[in-house]
Structure formats: C-alpha cells, structure tokens
C-alpha atoms as a PDB file:
ATOM      1  CA  MET A   1      21.836 -48.959 -39.341  1.00  0.00           C
ATOM      2  CA  LYS A   2      19.452 -50.364 -41.945  1.00  0.00           C
ATOM      3  CA  GLN A   3      16.825 -47.762 -41.050  1.00  0.00           C
ATOM      4  CA  GLN A   4      19.344 -44.922 -41.374  1.00  0.00           C
ATOM      5  CA  SER A   5      20.385 -46.183 -44.789  1.00  0.00           C
ATOM      6  CA  LEU A   6      16.775 -46.309 -45.950  1.00  0.00           C
ATOM      7  CA  VAL A   7      16.107 -42.793 -44.684  1.00  0.00           C
ATOM      8  CA  ALA A   8      19.260 -41.476 -46.339  1.00  0.00           C
ATOM      9  CA  LEU A   9      18.435 -43.218 -49.613  1.00  0.00           C
ATOM     10  CA  SER A  10      14.884 -41.864 -49.608  1.00  0.00           C
ATOM     11  CA  ALA A  11      16.124 -38.371 -48.895  1.00  0.00           C
ATOM     12  CA  LEU A  12      18.746 -38.692 -51.611  1.00  0.00           C
ATOM     13  CA  MET A  13      16.139 -39.592 -54.191  1.00  0.00           C
ATOM     14  CA  PHE A  14      13.929 -36.683 -53.098  1.00  0.00           C
ATOM     15  CA  SER A  15      16.727 -34.119 -53.035  1.00  0.00           C
ATOM     16  CA  SER A  16      18.060 -35.188 -56.402  1.00  0.00           C
ATOM     17  CA  SER A  17      14.737 -34.533 -58.046  1.00  0.00           C
ATOM     18  CA  VAL A  18      14.251 -31.222 -56.243  1.00  0.00           C
ATOM     19  CA  PHE A  19      17.734 -29.744 -56.584  1.00  0.00           C
ATOM     20  CA  ALA A  20      18.894 -31.282 -59.852  1.00  0.00           C
ATOM     21  CA  ASN A  21      16.096 -29.886 -61.962  1.00  0.00           C
ATOM     22  CA  GLY A  22      17.712 -26.433 -61.961  1.00  0.00           C
ATOM     23  CA  GLU A  23      14.352 -24.707 -62.006  1.00  0.00           C
ATOM     24  CA  PHE A  24      14.872 -22.646 -58.862  1.00  0.00           C
ATOM     25  CA  GLU A  25      13.619 -19.115 -59.360  1.00  0.00           C
ATOM     26  CA  PRO A  26      14.598 -16.911 -56.403  1.00  0.00           C
ATOM     27  CA  ASN A  27      11.888 -14.927 -54.651  1.00  0.00           C
ATOM     28  CA  LYS A  28      11.571 -13.471 -51.163  1.00  0.00           C
ATOM     29  CA  LYS A  29       9.617 -16.428 -49.803  1.00  0.00           C
ATOM     30  CA  GLU A  30      12.075 -19.005 -51.180  1.00  0.00           C
ATOM     31  CA  CYS A  31      15.157 -17.127 -49.997  1.00  0.00           C
ATOM     32  CA  VAL A  32      14.168 -16.220 -46.440  1.00  0.00           C
ATOM     33  CA  ASN A  33      15.224 -19.467 -44.727  1.00  0.00           C
ATOM     34  CA  VAL A  34      18.144 -20.613 -46.872  1.00  0.00           C
ATOM     35  CA  GLY A  35      20.674 -19.642 -44.187  1.00  0.00           C
ATOM     36  CA  LYS A  36      18.781 -21.570 -41.515  1.00  0.00           C
ATOM     37  CA  GLU A  37      18.745 -24.645 -43.738  1.00  0.00           C
ATOM     38  CA  ILE A  38      22.489 -24.341 -44.352  1.00  0.00           C
ATOM     39  CA  THR A  39      23.072 -24.225 -40.597  1.00  0.00           C
ATOM     40  CA  ARG A  40      20.779 -27.200 -39.998  1.00  0.00           C
ATOM     41  CA  VAL A  41      22.367 -29.332 -42.709  1.00  0.00           C
ATOM     42  CA  SER A  42      25.891 -28.409 -41.563  1.00  0.00           C
ATOM     43  CA  SER A  43      25.203 -29.476 -37.989  1.00  0.00           C
ATOM     44  CA  GLU A  44      23.484 -32.644 -39.184  1.00  0.00           C
ATOM     45  CA  MET A  45      26.533 -33.427 -41.323  1.00  0.00           C
ATOM     46  CA  ASP A  46      28.765 -33.084 -38.240  1.00  0.00           C
ATOM     47  CA  THR A  47      26.750 -35.764 -36.435  1.00  0.00           C
ATOM     48  CA  ALA A  48      26.058 -38.094 -39.390  1.00  0.00           C
ATOM     49  CA  LYS A  49      27.503 -41.561 -38.996  1.00  0.00           C
ATOM     50  CA  SER A  50      26.961 -43.304 -42.325  1.00  0.00           C
ATOM     51  CA  GLY A  51      28.865 -42.485 -45.477  1.00  0.00           C
ATOM     52  CA  ILE A  52      25.664 -42.463 -47.531  1.00  0.00           C
ATOM     53  CA  GLN A  53      24.071 -39.917 -45.218  1.00  0.00           C
ATOM     54  CA  LYS A  54      27.181 -37.719 -45.204  1.00  0.00           C
ATOM     55  CA  SER A  55      27.338 -37.847 -48.985  1.00  0.00           C
ATOM     56  CA  TRP A  56      23.699 -36.863 -49.331  1.00  0.00           C
ATOM     57  CA  LEU A  57      24.064 -34.024 -46.827  1.00  0.00           C
ATOM     58  CA  LYS A  58      27.144 -32.740 -48.642  1.00  0.00           C
ATOM     59  CA  ARG A  59      25.184 -32.590 -51.899  1.00  0.00           C
ATOM     60  CA  GLN A  60      22.291 -30.872 -50.156  1.00  0.00           C
ATOM     61  CA  LEU A  61      24.650 -28.325 -48.606  1.00  0.00           C
ATOM     62  CA  GLY A  62      26.141 -27.563 -52.012  1.00  0.00           C
ATOM     63  CA  ALA A  63      22.662 -27.066 -53.498  1.00  0.00           C
ATOM     64  CA  LEU A  64      21.679 -24.759 -50.642  1.00  0.00           C
ATOM     65  CA  LYS A  65      24.806 -22.656 -51.082  1.00  0.00           C
ATOM     66  CA  THR A  66      24.039 -22.362 -54.795  1.00  0.00           C
ATOM     67  CA  LYS A  67      20.505 -21.350 -53.872  1.00  0.00           C
ATOM     68  CA  ARG A  68      21.844 -18.685 -51.484  1.00  0.00           C
ATOM     69  CA  THR A  69      24.072 -17.314 -54.246  1.00  0.00           C
ATOM     70  CA  SER A  70      21.095 -17.149 -56.620  1.00  0.00           C
ATOM     71  CA  CYS A  71      19.101 -15.306 -53.987  1.00  0.00           C
ATOM     72  CA  SER A  72      21.885 -12.760 -53.484  1.00  0.00           C
ATOM     73  CA  MET A  73      22.320 -12.242 -57.214  1.00  0.00           C
ATOM     74  CA  LYS A  74      18.602 -11.506 -57.615  1.00  0.00           C
ATOM     75  CA  GLY A  75      18.658  -9.048 -54.708  1.00  0.00           C
ATOM     76  CA  PHE A  76      16.928 -11.200 -52.094  1.00  0.00           C
ATOM     77  CA  GLU A  77      18.660 -11.439 -48.754  1.00  0.00           C
ATOM     78  CA  ALA A  78      19.068 -14.965 -47.442  1.00  0.00           C
ATOM     79  CA  ASN A  79      19.160 -15.087 -43.634  1.00  0.00           C
ATOM     80  CA  LYS A  80      22.655 -15.948 -42.482  1.00  0.00           C
ATOM     81  CA  PRO A  81      22.368 -17.456 -38.990  1.00  0.00           C
ATOM     82  CA  GLU A  82      25.530 -19.468 -39.665  1.00  0.00           C
ATOM     83  CA  LEU A  83      27.457 -16.222 -39.067  1.00  0.00           C
ATOM     84  CA  ALA A  84      26.120 -16.179 -35.511  1.00  0.00           C
ATOM     85  CA  LYS A  85      28.077 -19.393 -34.798  1.00  0.00           C
ATOM     86  CA  LEU A  86      31.384 -17.614 -35.412  1.00  0.00           C
END
C-alpha cells in the first residue's frame, strides 16, 4: 500500500508538470499513440485500488483526451484503439 502511494504520488508530480504547462504542440509523432495511451490509462483506472492513484489516472485521462482533441483540430489523426473495445 505504501509503495503504491509513493508510485502514484511520483507519477502525479511528473504528470502535473508535463500536462499542466499547456505547451503541447500537436504533430504527427506526438499524436500517433494518444489513443493507445487513453486505452491503457482507462484499463489501469478500472483496476486501480487507491483513491490517490484513481485521482491521478483520471487527471491523466482528461489531459490525454484534451491532447487527442488538439491533434484532431490540427489535422493529425490520433489512433483510436479504444473503439475496438466496443
């Protein structure tokens, strides 16, 4: 439990600095795997046990969805493997 909390806290600090800076500039390389990351984070959120981890994953998922929207608006196609689950 303590180890999970430390991992979640470390990841939270990292993701906050990466996603909160708002400096994402869409390009083909950045946009290609956004859908895969959304799928990965979604499935990880389904299995997360701690509230801290779930909270961090929810924030990450929101940032990834914003990133996917930016990619679409700039004309770059983000892979959408999450549609394959349906």
